[in-house]
Amino acid sequence: MKKLVMICGLLFSVVTFAQAQQGGGQGGQRRMMATPEDRVKQLDEKVKLTDDQKTKATAVYTEAAEAQKKMREEMQGGGGDRQAMMEKMQKMTAETDTKINAFLTEDQKKAYKAWQDEVKAAREKMMKERQQGGGGK
């Protein structure tokens, strides 16, 4: 279960950051905010990247991390509408996925999609537990 939650954080670090701001982040927030290199490592474990793909993925995740950092700074400065920020972050996540898919083979795309589906299910379960006040096991 912990591994699934960590994977969730890796792929959807933007979403988990916003959730942590709502209350559940005590120290776990840093663990969920993976570096671009960590994200590439996780992706490689799931879809078996070539060296060229690792370089491309690192560039994509680095660009996304910089954009996310800028957005978080704007939000912390008091200049942000939380809902608008969430929408922007979801759009950024979708754009990152599109860029990653652009250099994957068909078999890799299938593995990536299956991984994304796992992460989405885990995130939804975690959010449901949080809403019910369970907070997990």
Protein backbone atom coordinates (compact mmCIF):
# COMPACT_ATOMS: atom_id res chain seq x y z
CA MET A 1 0.00 0.00 0.00
CA LYS A 2 2.81 2.42 0.89
CA LYS A 3 4.45 1.83 -2.49
CA LEU A 4 1.20 2.59 -4.28
CA VAL A 5 0.77 5.81 -2.33
CA MET A 6 4.35 6.78 -3.16
CA ILE A 7 3.75 6.10 -6.86
CA CYS A 8 0.64 8.23 -6.62
CA GLY A 9 2.72 11.04 -5.24
CA LEU A 10 5.32 10.68 -7.94
CA LEU A 11 2.90 10.97 -10.81
CA PHE A 12 0.53 13.42 -9.26
CA SER A 13 2.83 15.44 -7.05
CA VAL A 14 0.98 18.55 -8.00
CA VAL A 15 -2.33 17.20 -6.79
CA THR A 16 -0.85 15.77 -3.61
CA PHE A 17 0.76 19.10 -2.79
CA ALA A 18 -2.63 20.77 -2.88
CA GLN A 19 -4.15 17.99 -0.79
CA ALA A 20 -1.36 18.35 1.77
CA GLN A 21 -2.20 22.03 2.04
CA GLN A 22 -5.72 21.00 3.07
CA GLY A 23 -4.39 19.18 6.08
CA GLY A 24 -2.68 15.84 5.71
CA GLY A 25 0.86 16.76 4.95
CA GLN A 26 2.82 16.68 8.21
CA GLY A 27 6.23 15.73 6.90
CA GLY A 28 4.84 13.34 4.29
CA GLN A 29 4.60 16.17 1.81
CA ARG A 30 8.32 16.14 1.05
CA ARG A 31 8.31 12.42 0.51
CA MET A 32 5.59 12.79 -2.10
CA MET A 33 7.31 15.60 -3.99
CA ALA A 34 9.69 13.53 -6.10
CA THR A 35 12.59 14.96 -8.05
CA PRO A 36 12.58 14.68 -11.85
CA GLU A 37 15.26 11.99 -11.53
CA ASP A 38 13.11 10.01 -9.09
CA ARG A 39 10.18 10.25 -11.45
CA VAL A 40 12.30 9.01 -14.36
CA LYS A 41 13.52 6.10 -12.23
CA GLN A 42 9.93 5.13 -11.39
CA LEU A 43 8.87 5.47 -15.03
CA ASP A 44 11.85 3.35 -16.13
CA GLU A 45 10.84 0.63 -13.67
CA LYS A 46 7.36 0.54 -15.20
CA VAL A 47 8.04 0.92 -18.93
CA LYS A 48 11.77 0.12 -19.39
CA LEU A 49 13.11 3.32 -20.96
CA THR A 50 16.05 3.58 -23.34
CA ASP A 51 18.87 5.99 -22.43
CA ASP A 52 17.53 8.50 -24.96
CA GLN A 53 14.04 8.22 -23.45
CA LYS A 54 15.48 8.75 -19.96
CA THR A 55 17.10 11.97 -21.16
CA LYS A 56 13.84 13.16 -22.71
CA ALA A 57 11.79 12.20 -19.65
CA THR A 58 14.21 14.02 -17.35
CA ALA A 59 13.80 17.17 -19.45
CA VAL A 60 10.00 16.88 -19.40
CA TYR A 61 9.84 16.29 -15.64
CA THR A 62 12.36 19.07 -14.94
CA GLU A 63 10.29 21.54 -16.95
CA ALA A 64 7.14 20.45 -15.13
CA ALA A 65 8.81 20.72 -11.71
CA GLU A 66 9.98 24.27 -12.45
CA ALA A 67 6.50 25.30 -13.58
CA GLN A 68 4.94 23.69 -10.49
CA LYS A 69 7.43 25.41 -8.20
CA LYS A 70 6.60 28.77 -9.75
CA MET A 71 2.88 28.14 -9.33
CA ARG A 72 3.30 27.09 -5.67
CA GLU A 73 5.32 30.25 -4.99
CA GLU A 74 2.58 32.39 -6.51
CA MET A 75 0.00 30.61 -4.39
CA GLN A 76 2.04 31.02 -1.21
CA GLY A 77 2.42 34.70 -1.94
CA GLY A 78 -1.32 35.04 -1.50
CA GLY A 79 -1.92 35.72 -5.17
CA GLY A 80 -3.85 32.66 -6.06
CA ASP A 81 -7.30 31.27 -6.40
CA ARG A 82 -7.06 27.70 -5.12
CA GLN A 83 -9.55 26.30 -7.66
CA ALA A 84 -7.82 28.04 -10.55
CA MET A 85 -4.48 26.69 -9.35
CA MET A 86 -5.85 23.14 -9.21
CA GLU A 87 -7.18 23.46 -12.74
CA LYS A 88 -3.82 24.75 -13.99
CA MET A 89 -2.01 21.92 -12.25
CA GLN A 90 -4.34 19.33 -13.76
CA LYS A 91 -3.70 20.85 -17.17
CA MET A 92 0.05 20.78 -16.55
CA THR A 93 -0.15 17.12 -15.53
CA ALA A 94 -2.04 16.29 -18.72
CA GLU A 95 0.54 18.18 -20.81
CA THR A 96 3.36 16.30 -19.08
CA ASP A 97 1.65 12.98 -19.82
CA THR A 98 1.24 13.97 -23.48
CA LYS A 99 4.94 14.85 -23.72
CA ILE A 100 5.94 11.55 -22.10
CA ASN A 101 3.65 9.55 -24.39
CA ALA A 102 5.17 11.28 -27.43
CA PHE A 103 8.43 9.32 -27.13
CA LEU A 104 7.15 6.00 -25.80
CA THR A 105 6.68 2.92 -27.97
CA GLU A 106 3.21 1.40 -28.26
CA ASP A 107 4.04 -1.29 -25.67
CA GLN A 108 5.45 1.34 -23.32
CA LYS A 109 2.33 3.47 -23.76
CA LYS A 110 0.20 0.51 -22.69
CA ALA A 111 2.34 -0.05 -19.58
CA TYR A 112 2.30 3.69 -18.81
CA LYS A 113 -1.50 3.80 -19.13
CA ALA A 114 -1.87 0.77 -16.84
CA TRP A 115 0.41 2.45 -14.29
CA GLN A 116 -1.57 5.69 -14.50
CA ASP A 117 -4.79 3.74 -13.94
CA GLU A 118 -3.28 2.10 -10.83
CA VAL A 119 -2.20 5.47 -9.49
CA LYS A 120 -5.58 7.03 -10.19
CA ALA A 121 -7.38 4.22 -8.36
CA ALA A 122 -5.04 4.54 -5.39
CA ARG A 123 -5.50 8.32 -5.30
CA GLU A 124 -9.27 8.00 -5.44
CA LYS A 125 -9.21 5.43 -2.63
CA MET A 126 -6.98 7.67 -0.52
CA MET A 127 -9.22 10.69 -1.10
CA LYS A 128 -12.32 8.67 -0.25
CA GLU A 129 -10.72 7.47 2.98
CA ARG A 130 -9.68 11.01 3.81
CA GLN A 131 -13.21 12.32 3.20
CA GLN A 132 -14.62 9.60 5.43
CA GLY A 133 -12.15 10.49 8.14
CA GLY A 134 -10.37 7.15 7.96
CA GLY A 135 -7.02 8.43 6.79
CA GLY A 136 -5.86 4.92 5.87
CA LYS A 137 -4.54 2.01 7.91
